[in-house]
Amino acid sequence: MSIRTERVAGEIQQALAHLFQADFAHVTDGLITVTKVRMSADLGSARVYVSLLGGTLPHEKTLETLKKEVPHIRAAVARRVRLKFVPDLNFYLDDTQEEVAHLEDIFNLIRAENAARTPQSEPTQEPLSELEN
């Protein structure tokens, strides 16, 4: 990305984060975090990645509600960010934290299986000075 696209993405990310805290808090009963904004090269569209924490609604339902609110969100972004054209906003669920938790569970399971298979003997370690000789 160029410096301009990065700068515009950062401005839009900050504007959206503020809007989700203040004006669009009704979209979900949990916490919406804007994790990343990726701009197209012509600044005509933005891919907005959001993370959803807490709440009783399914994440897909909240994402669907966000997509319905796009015209209102774009108008609010236009009032906060000075751009000639406000980009189209496309919202995507950022499930990185859920993926990390899933991988951690898999790694813990593998560690537990390896610990159960190997005998509990003390590993012998020699000092580095003896290994160098």
C-alpha atoms as a PDB file:
ATOM      1  CA  MET A   1       0.000   0.000   0.000  1.00  0.00           C
ATOM      2  CA  SER A   2       1.113   3.516  -0.625  1.00  0.00           C
ATOM      3  CA  ILE A   3       1.547   6.079   2.095  1.00  0.00           C
ATOM      4  CA  ARG A   4      -1.691   7.800   1.094  1.00  0.00           C
ATOM      5  CA  THR A   5      -3.777   4.618   1.213  1.00  0.00           C
ATOM      6  CA  GLU A   6      -2.279   3.746   4.604  1.00  0.00           C
ATOM      7  CA  ARG A   7      -3.022   7.220   5.930  1.00  0.00           C
ATOM      8  CA  VAL A   8      -6.619   7.153   4.667  1.00  0.00           C
ATOM      9  CA  ALA A   9      -7.101   3.638   6.080  1.00  0.00           C
ATOM     10  CA  GLY A  10      -5.871   4.825   9.471  1.00  0.00           C
ATOM     11  CA  GLU A  11      -8.172   7.837   9.459  1.00  0.00           C
ATOM     12  CA  ILE A  12     -11.179   5.692   8.526  1.00  0.00           C
ATOM     13  CA  GLN A  13     -10.264   3.127  11.184  1.00  0.00           C
ATOM     14  CA  GLN A  14     -10.135   5.815  13.882  1.00  0.00           C
ATOM     15  CA  ALA A  15     -13.402   7.355  12.712  1.00  0.00           C
ATOM     16  CA  LEU A  16     -15.168   3.997  12.693  1.00  0.00           C
ATOM     17  CA  ALA A  17     -13.828   3.081  16.123  1.00  0.00           C
ATOM     18  CA  HIS A  18     -15.192   6.311  17.558  1.00  0.00           C
ATOM     19  CA  LEU A  19     -18.524   5.925  15.760  1.00  0.00           C
ATOM     20  CA  PHE A  20     -19.020   2.366  17.018  1.00  0.00           C
ATOM     21  CA  GLN A  21     -18.474   3.538  20.581  1.00  0.00           C
ATOM     22  CA  ALA A  22     -20.745   6.558  20.378  1.00  0.00           C
ATOM     23  CA  ASP A  23     -23.297   6.625  17.561  1.00  0.00           C
ATOM     24  CA  PHE A  24     -23.634   2.984  16.499  1.00  0.00           C
ATOM     25  CA  ALA A  25     -23.461   1.227  19.855  1.00  0.00           C
ATOM     26  CA  HIS A  26     -26.960  -0.131  19.188  1.00  0.00           C
ATOM     27  CA  VAL A  27     -25.675  -2.411  16.415  1.00  0.00           C
ATOM     28  CA  THR A  28     -24.529  -5.017  18.911  1.00  0.00           C
ATOM     29  CA  ASP A  29     -24.891  -5.745  22.590  1.00  0.00           C
ATOM     30  CA  GLY A  30     -21.171  -6.556  22.816  1.00  0.00           C
ATOM     31  CA  LEU A  31     -17.969  -4.764  21.896  1.00  0.00           C
ATOM     32  CA  ILE A  32     -17.036  -4.004  18.280  1.00  0.00           C
ATOM     33  CA  THR A  33     -13.352  -3.430  17.576  1.00  0.00           C
ATOM     34  CA  VAL A  34     -12.104  -2.283  14.170  1.00  0.00           C
ATOM     35  CA  THR A  35      -8.964  -4.373  13.787  1.00  0.00           C
ATOM     36  CA  LYS A  36      -7.911  -3.401  10.280  1.00  0.00           C
ATOM     37  CA  VAL A  37      -8.956  -1.292   7.306  1.00  0.00           C
ATOM     38  CA  ARG A  38      -7.613  -2.096   3.846  1.00  0.00           C
ATOM     39  CA  MET A  39      -8.126   0.455   1.092  1.00  0.00           C
ATOM     40  CA  SER A  40      -8.231  -0.244  -2.619  1.00  0.00           C
ATOM     41  CA  ALA A  41      -5.572   1.496  -4.697  1.00  0.00           C
ATOM     42  CA  ASP A  42      -8.070   4.064  -6.023  1.00  0.00           C
ATOM     43  CA  LEU A  43      -9.461   4.707  -2.501  1.00  0.00           C
ATOM     44  CA  GLY A  44     -12.905   3.777  -3.789  1.00  0.00           C
ATOM     45  CA  SER A  45     -13.564   0.913  -1.424  1.00  0.00           C
ATOM     46  CA  ALA A  46     -12.460  -0.193   2.003  1.00  0.00           C
ATOM     47  CA  ARG A  47     -12.422  -3.629   3.553  1.00  0.00           C
ATOM     48  CA  VAL A  48     -13.163  -3.146   7.235  1.00  0.00           C
ATOM     49  CA  TYR A  49     -12.286  -6.031   9.539  1.00  0.00           C
ATOM     50  CA  VAL A  50     -14.117  -6.066  12.867  1.00  0.00           C
ATOM     51  CA  SER A  51     -13.738  -8.224  15.938  1.00  0.00           C
ATOM     52  CA  LEU A  52     -16.795  -8.873  18.086  1.00  0.00           C
ATOM     53  CA  LEU A  53     -16.468  -9.640  21.780  1.00  0.00           C
ATOM     54  CA  GLY A  54     -19.238 -10.544  24.144  1.00  0.00           C
ATOM     55  CA  GLY A  55     -22.858 -10.075  23.334  1.00  0.00           C
ATOM     56  CA  THR A  56     -25.652 -12.571  22.988  1.00  0.00           C
ATOM     57  CA  LEU A  57     -26.265 -12.196  19.251  1.00  0.00           C
ATOM     58  CA  PRO A  58     -24.423 -14.479  16.832  1.00  0.00           C
ATOM     59  CA  HIS A  59     -21.522 -12.766  15.069  1.00  0.00           C
ATOM     60  CA  GLU A  60     -23.125 -13.318  11.665  1.00  0.00           C
ATOM     61  CA  LYS A  61     -26.270 -11.489  12.768  1.00  0.00           C
ATOM     62  CA  THR A  62     -24.243  -8.520  14.011  1.00  0.00           C
ATOM     63  CA  LEU A  63     -22.274  -8.448  10.750  1.00  0.00           C
ATOM     64  CA  GLU A  64     -25.541  -8.505   8.803  1.00  0.00           C
ATOM     65  CA  THR A  65     -26.809  -5.557  10.865  1.00  0.00           C
ATOM     66  CA  LEU A  66     -23.585  -3.664  10.143  1.00  0.00           C
ATOM     67  CA  LYS A  67     -24.031  -4.233   6.424  1.00  0.00           C
ATOM     68  CA  LYS A  68     -27.569  -2.858   6.601  1.00  0.00           C
ATOM     69  CA  GLU A  69     -26.269   0.273   8.366  1.00  0.00           C
ATOM     70  CA  VAL A  70     -23.545   0.974   5.739  1.00  0.00           C
ATOM     71  CA  PRO A  71     -25.256   4.069   4.235  1.00  0.00           C
ATOM     72  CA  HIS A  72     -25.614   5.653   7.678  1.00  0.00           C
ATOM     73  CA  ILE A  73     -22.085   4.676   8.677  1.00  0.00           C
ATOM     74  CA  ARG A  74     -20.669   6.129   5.440  1.00  0.00           C
ATOM     75  CA  ALA A  75     -22.503   9.403   6.062  1.00  0.00           C
ATOM     76  CA  ALA A  76     -21.090   9.558   9.588  1.00  0.00           C
ATOM     77  CA  VAL A  77     -17.568   8.810   8.308  1.00  0.00           C
ATOM     78  CA  ALA A  78     -17.979  11.588   5.724  1.00  0.00           C
ATOM     79  CA  ARG A  79     -18.654  14.055   8.526  1.00  0.00           C
ATOM     80  CA  ARG A  80     -15.516  12.968  10.410  1.00  0.00           C
ATOM     81  CA  VAL A  81     -12.961  12.386   7.640  1.00  0.00           C
ATOM     82  CA  ARG A  82     -12.274  15.022   5.017  1.00  0.00           C
ATOM     83  CA  LEU A  83     -12.168  13.166   1.712  1.00  0.00           C
ATOM     84  CA  LYS A  84     -13.408  14.076  -1.731  1.00  0.00           C
ATOM     85  CA  PHE A  85     -15.190  10.726  -1.975  1.00  0.00           C
ATOM     86  CA  VAL A  86     -16.052   8.456   0.929  1.00  0.00           C
ATOM     87  CA  PRO A  87     -15.170   4.868   0.015  1.00  0.00           C
ATOM     88  CA  ASP A  88     -17.625   1.997  -0.056  1.00  0.00           C
ATOM     89  CA  LEU A  89     -17.393   0.136   3.235  1.00  0.00           C
ATOM     90  CA  ASN A  90     -17.362  -3.656   3.196  1.00  0.00           C
ATOM     91  CA  PHE A  91     -17.414  -5.289   6.622  1.00  0.00           C
ATOM     92  CA  TYR A  92     -15.746  -8.614   7.350  1.00  0.00           C
ATOM     93  CA  LEU A  93     -15.467 -10.603  10.546  1.00  0.00           C
ATOM     94  CA  ASP A  94     -11.913 -10.805  11.880  1.00  0.00           C
ATOM     95  CA  ASP A  95     -11.800 -14.148  13.643  1.00  0.00           C
ATOM     96  CA  THR A  96      -8.061 -14.121  14.324  1.00  0.00           C
ATOM     97  CA  GLN A  97      -8.504 -14.387  18.105  1.00  0.00           C
ATOM     98  CA  GLU A  98     -10.813 -17.377  17.732  1.00  0.00           C
ATOM     99  CA  GLU A  99      -8.329 -19.072  15.390  1.00  0.00           C
ATOM    100  CA  VAL A 100      -5.477 -18.456  17.844  1.00  0.00           C
ATOM    101  CA  ALA A 101      -7.508 -19.961  20.688  1.00  0.00           C
ATOM    102  CA  HIS A 102      -8.353 -22.989  18.534  1.00  0.00           C
ATOM    103  CA  LEU A 103      -4.690 -23.531  17.619  1.00  0.00           C
ATOM    104  CA  GLU A 104      -3.662 -23.182  21.273  1.00  0.00           C
ATOM    105  CA  ASP A 105      -6.170 -25.910  22.172  1.00  0.00           C
ATOM    106  CA  ILE A 106      -4.685 -28.179  19.504  1.00  0.00           C
ATOM    107  CA  PHE A 107      -1.120 -27.512  20.713  1.00  0.00           C
ATOM    108  CA  ASN A 108      -2.110 -28.208  24.328  1.00  0.00           C
ATOM    109  CA  LEU A 109      -3.710 -31.485  23.266  1.00  0.00           C
ATOM    110  CA  ILE A 110      -0.550 -32.511  21.391  1.00  0.00           C
ATOM    111  CA  ARG A 111       1.616 -31.592  24.405  1.00  0.00           C
ATOM    112  CA  ALA A 112      -0.611 -33.638  26.708  1.00  0.00           C
ATOM    113  CA  GLU A 113      -0.445 -36.661  24.392  1.00  0.00           C
ATOM    114  CA  ASN A 114       3.349 -36.386  24.105  1.00  0.00           C
ATOM    115  CA  ALA A 115       3.700 -36.079  27.880  1.00  0.00           C
ATOM    116  CA  ALA A 116       1.544 -39.190  28.376  1.00  0.00           C
ATOM    117  CA  ARG A 117       3.638 -41.235  25.911  1.00  0.00           C
ATOM    118  CA  THR A 118       7.126 -40.332  27.117  1.00  0.00           C
ATOM    119  CA  PRO A 119       8.442 -41.517  30.477  1.00  0.00           C
ATOM    120  CA  GLN A 120       8.956 -38.855  33.112  1.00  0.00           C
ATOM    121  CA  SER A 121      12.754 -39.011  33.198  1.00  0.00           C
ATOM    122  CA  GLU A 122      14.966 -36.057  33.923  1.00  0.00           C
ATOM    123  CA  PRO A 123      16.767 -34.781  30.822  1.00  0.00           C
ATOM    124  CA  THR A 124      20.510 -34.663  31.317  1.00  0.00           C
ATOM    125  CA  GLN A 125      22.137 -31.394  30.460  1.00  0.00           C
ATOM    126  CA  GLU A 126      25.834 -30.857  30.362  1.00  0.00           C
ATOM    127  CA  PRO A 127      27.312 -27.432  30.928  1.00  0.00           C
ATOM    128  CA  LEU A 128      28.265 -25.558  27.769  1.00  0.00           C
ATOM    129  CA  SER A 129      31.922 -25.464  28.756  1.00  0.00           C
ATOM    130  CA  GLU A 130      32.104 -29.281  28.643  1.00  0.00           C
ATOM    131  CA  LEU A 131      30.401 -29.424  25.232  1.00  0.00           C
ATOM    132  CA  GLU A 132      32.868 -27.007  23.657  1.00  0.00           C
ATOM    133  CA  ASN A 133      35.928 -29.178  24.519  1.00  0.00           C
END
